[in-house]
Protein backbone atom coordinates (compact mmCIF):
# COMPACT_ATOMS: atom_id res chain seq x y z
CA UNK A 1 5.58 20.47 -14.95
CA UNK A 2 5.92 20.65 -11.13
CA UNK A 3 6.87 16.98 -11.00
CA UNK A 4 9.67 14.76 -9.82
CA UNK A 5 11.87 12.15 -11.45
CA UNK A 6 13.98 9.48 -9.83
CA UNK A 7 15.95 6.31 -10.31
CA UNK A 8 17.11 3.51 -8.06
CA UNK A 9 19.71 1.17 -9.45
CA UNK A 10 21.74 -1.75 -8.22
CA UNK A 11 24.50 -3.17 -10.37
CA UNK A 12 23.65 -6.63 -11.64
CA UNK A 13 20.08 -6.46 -10.26
CA UNK A 14 18.31 -3.79 -12.27
CA UNK A 15 16.95 -0.28 -12.16
CA UNK A 16 13.65 1.36 -11.35
CA UNK A 17 12.82 4.68 -13.00
CA UNK A 18 9.87 6.81 -11.94
CA UNK A 19 8.37 10.22 -12.50
CA UNK A 20 5.41 12.25 -11.39
CA UNK A 21 3.85 15.24 -13.10
CA UNK A 22 1.03 17.54 -12.15
CA UNK A 23 -1.45 17.99 -14.97
CA UNK A 24 -4.62 20.04 -14.97
CA UNK A 25 -7.72 18.90 -16.83
CA UNK A 26 -9.04 21.62 -19.15
CA UNK A 27 -12.21 23.17 -17.77
CA UNK A 28 -15.27 21.43 -19.13
CA UNK A 29 -13.29 18.35 -20.21
CA UNK A 30 -14.95 15.03 -19.28
CA UNK A 31 -13.30 12.93 -16.62
CA UNK A 32 -11.66 9.76 -18.01
CA UNK A 33 -13.46 6.55 -17.04
CA UNK A 34 -11.10 4.87 -14.58
CA UNK A 35 -8.13 4.85 -16.93
CA UNK A 36 -5.69 3.80 -14.21
CA UNK A 37 -7.71 0.69 -13.42
CA UNK A 38 -7.90 -0.36 -17.06
CA UNK A 39 -4.14 -0.03 -17.38
CA UNK A 40 -3.55 -2.36 -14.46
CA UNK A 41 -6.05 -4.90 -15.77
CA UNK A 42 -4.62 -4.84 -19.28
CA UNK A 43 -1.10 -5.23 -17.93
CA UNK A 44 -2.12 -8.69 -16.67
CA UNK A 45 -1.37 -8.17 -12.98
CA UNK A 46 -1.57 -11.35 -10.99
CA UNK A 47 -2.25 -11.68 -7.31
CA UNK A 48 0.23 -12.56 -4.61
CA UNK A 49 0.37 -15.95 -2.96
CA UNK A 50 -1.35 -17.56 -5.93
CA UNK A 51 -4.50 -15.46 -5.65
CA UNK A 52 -5.75 -14.28 -9.03
CA UNK A 53 -6.11 -10.52 -9.41
CA UNK A 54 -9.50 -9.09 -10.21
CA UNK A 55 -10.04 -6.25 -12.62
CA UNK A 56 -8.48 -3.19 -10.99
CA UNK A 57 -11.29 -0.90 -12.18
CA UNK A 58 -13.88 -2.82 -10.13
CA UNK A 59 -12.86 -2.29 -6.50
CA UNK A 60 -14.05 -4.73 -3.89
CA UNK A 61 -17.54 -4.10 -2.58
CA UNK A 62 -16.36 -4.68 0.97
CA UNK A 63 -15.63 -1.41 2.72
CA UNK A 64 -12.53 -1.58 4.83
CA UNK A 65 -10.62 0.36 7.42
CA UNK A 66 -6.95 0.67 6.55
CA UNK A 67 -4.04 1.82 8.68
CA UNK A 68 -1.36 3.70 6.73
CA UNK A 69 2.02 3.71 8.52
CA UNK A 70 4.37 6.11 6.72
CA UNK A 71 6.92 8.44 8.27
CA UNK A 72 6.83 12.23 8.56
CA UNK A 73 9.35 12.57 5.73
CA UNK A 74 6.82 11.08 3.35
CA UNK A 75 3.71 13.21 3.79
CA UNK A 76 3.02 13.15 0.03
CA UNK A 77 2.83 9.34 -0.16
CA UNK A 78 0.80 9.12 3.06
CA UNK A 79 -1.64 11.80 1.86
CA UNK A 80 -1.93 10.12 -1.54
CA UNK A 81 -2.73 6.74 0.04
CA UNK A 82 -5.35 8.29 2.34
CA UNK A 83 -6.92 10.20 -0.56
CA UNK A 84 -7.13 7.14 -2.81
CA UNK A 85 -8.60 4.99 -0.03
CA UNK A 86 -11.19 7.64 0.83
CA UNK A 87 -12.19 8.12 -2.81
CA UNK A 88 -12.67 4.35 -3.07
CA UNK A 89 -15.09 4.52 -0.13
CA UNK A 90 -12.81 3.08 2.53
CA UNK A 91 -11.93 4.50 5.94
CA UNK A 92 -8.26 5.14 6.63
CA UNK A 93 -6.09 6.38 9.45
CA UNK A 94 -2.42 7.34 9.36
CA UNK A 95 0.48 7.00 11.78
CA UNK A 96 4.12 8.02 11.37
CA UNK A 97 6.06 5.07 12.77
CA UNK A 98 5.85 1.44 13.83
CA UNK A 99 5.16 2.19 17.49
CA UNK A 100 2.15 4.29 16.56
CA UNK A 101 0.99 1.50 14.24
CA UNK A 102 1.03 -0.98 17.15
CA UNK A 103 -0.88 1.47 19.37
CA UNK A 104 -3.48 2.04 16.65
CA UNK A 105 -3.98 -1.70 16.10
CA UNK A 106 -4.51 -2.23 19.83
CA UNK A 107 -7.04 0.62 19.98
CA UNK A 108 -9.17 0.07 16.86
CA UNK A 109 -10.27 -2.51 14.32
CA UNK A 110 -8.46 -2.52 10.97
CA UNK A 111 -8.70 -4.78 7.94
CA UNK A 112 -5.35 -3.95 6.32
CA UNK A 113 -2.06 -2.19 7.07
CA UNK A 114 0.01 -0.33 4.48
CA UNK A 115 3.47 -0.33 6.07
CA UNK A 116 6.42 1.84 5.10
CA UNK A 117 9.62 -0.13 5.58
CA UNK A 118 11.90 2.79 6.53
CA UNK A 119 10.51 4.77 9.48
CA UNK A 120 12.09 6.35 12.56
CA UNK A 121 11.61 4.93 16.07
CA UNK A 122 10.43 1.52 14.82
CA UNK A 123 10.72 0.59 11.15
CA UNK A 124 8.23 -1.48 9.18
CA UNK A 125 10.15 -4.72 9.63
CA UNK A 126 10.23 -4.39 13.43
CA UNK A 127 6.59 -3.29 13.53
CA UNK A 128 5.53 -6.27 11.43
CA UNK A 129 7.38 -8.67 13.74
CA UNK A 130 5.64 -7.09 16.74
CA UNK A 131 2.22 -7.23 15.04
CA UNK A 132 2.69 -10.93 14.30
CA UNK A 133 3.06 -11.46 18.08
CA UNK A 134 -0.24 -9.73 18.94
CA UNK A 135 -3.15 -11.88 20.15
CA UNK A 136 -5.87 -13.31 17.94
CA UNK A 137 -6.83 -11.93 14.55
CA UNK A 138 -4.59 -8.88 14.98
CA UNK A 139 -1.58 -11.12 14.38
CA UNK A 140 -3.04 -12.22 11.04
CA UNK A 141 -3.94 -8.81 9.64
CA UNK A 142 -2.68 -8.40 6.06
CA UNK A 143 0.36 -6.10 5.97
CA UNK A 144 1.45 -4.64 2.64
CA UNK A 145 4.93 -3.16 2.45
CA UNK A 146 5.31 0.24 0.83
CA UNK A 147 8.88 1.00 -0.10
CA UNK A 148 10.95 3.04 -2.52
CA UNK A 149 13.27 0.04 -2.74
CA UNK A 150 11.81 -1.91 -5.64
CA UNK A 151 14.34 -4.67 -6.24
CA UNK A 152 13.55 -8.38 -6.07
CA UNK A 153 15.68 -8.81 -2.94
CA UNK A 154 13.74 -6.07 -1.18
CA UNK A 155 10.45 -7.83 -1.91
CA UNK A 156 11.84 -11.06 -0.48
CA UNK A 157 13.04 -9.22 2.65
CA UNK A 158 9.53 -7.83 3.20
CA UNK A 159 7.89 -11.24 2.79
CA UNK A 160 10.46 -12.88 5.09
CA UNK A 161 9.72 -10.22 7.71
CA UNK A 162 6.10 -11.40 7.79
CA UNK A 163 4.49 -8.93 5.41
CA UNK A 164 1.90 -10.39 3.05
CA UNK A 165 2.50 -8.28 -0.02
CA UNK A 166 4.73 -5.59 -1.42
CA UNK A 167 4.27 -2.37 -3.37
CA UNK A 168 6.64 0.25 -4.64
CA UNK A 169 6.46 3.95 -3.91
CA UNK A 170 5.13 6.24 -5.05
CA UNK A 171 1.86 4.42 -4.54
CA UNK A 172 -0.55 4.25 -7.47
CA UNK A 173 -4.31 3.96 -7.49
CA UNK A 174 -4.18 0.87 -9.70
CA UNK A 175 -1.79 -0.93 -7.35
CA UNK A 176 -3.79 0.05 -4.27
CA UNK A 177 -7.03 -1.19 -5.84
CA UNK A 178 -5.32 -4.49 -6.68
CA UNK A 179 -4.05 -4.79 -3.08
CA UNK A 180 -7.53 -4.16 -1.68
CA UNK A 181 -9.03 -6.76 -4.00
CA UNK A 182 -6.36 -9.31 -3.11
CA UNK A 183 -6.51 -9.01 0.64
CA UNK A 184 -9.91 -7.75 1.77
CA UNK A 185 -12.20 -10.60 0.73
CA UNK A 186 -10.35 -13.20 2.80
CA UNK A 187 -8.84 -11.07 5.57
CA UNK A 188 -10.17 -11.46 9.11
CA UNK A 189 -10.85 -8.14 10.80
CA UNK A 190 -8.22 -7.42 13.43
CA UNK A 191 -10.35 -7.06 16.53
CA UNK A 192 -8.56 -5.41 19.47
């Protein structure tokens, strides 16, 4: 089915199983009505930091500009994030490491950063620490970790590094919609 399957496991901590498949819609078949969003809403997702999640099939009305920092080895995840953001009506730019993320934040206004944790040159943890030292609103920009490491300890490491939220790879539309809803209504724009 032209897909992929994977597992990450740590003894005594748990396992994460994932798969992707490429499916074609039969010609003339109607498009499902936001099925991914309904799944997230029915699963009872709750927001981070005590913020309640909104229905994932009703994206925020605020249009945002998002910076996606994901390394060259992960063009599929980066492209997927950019595609989802664009289809939701948001603007998005991509960089391939933490240094480029810092340069982009100094050069343009962003509302949110999706940050890969494992990147060459400067990883997501180092980049987050550097962003938190930037002047003004740039230091407070919401940063959401994107990582293939989906264990509880990895989430804690991301939050301790100064990231605001955490999401596993591969990224899903439902999770990205929930992230946008959680962080865009209260986030200050990061003015350069």
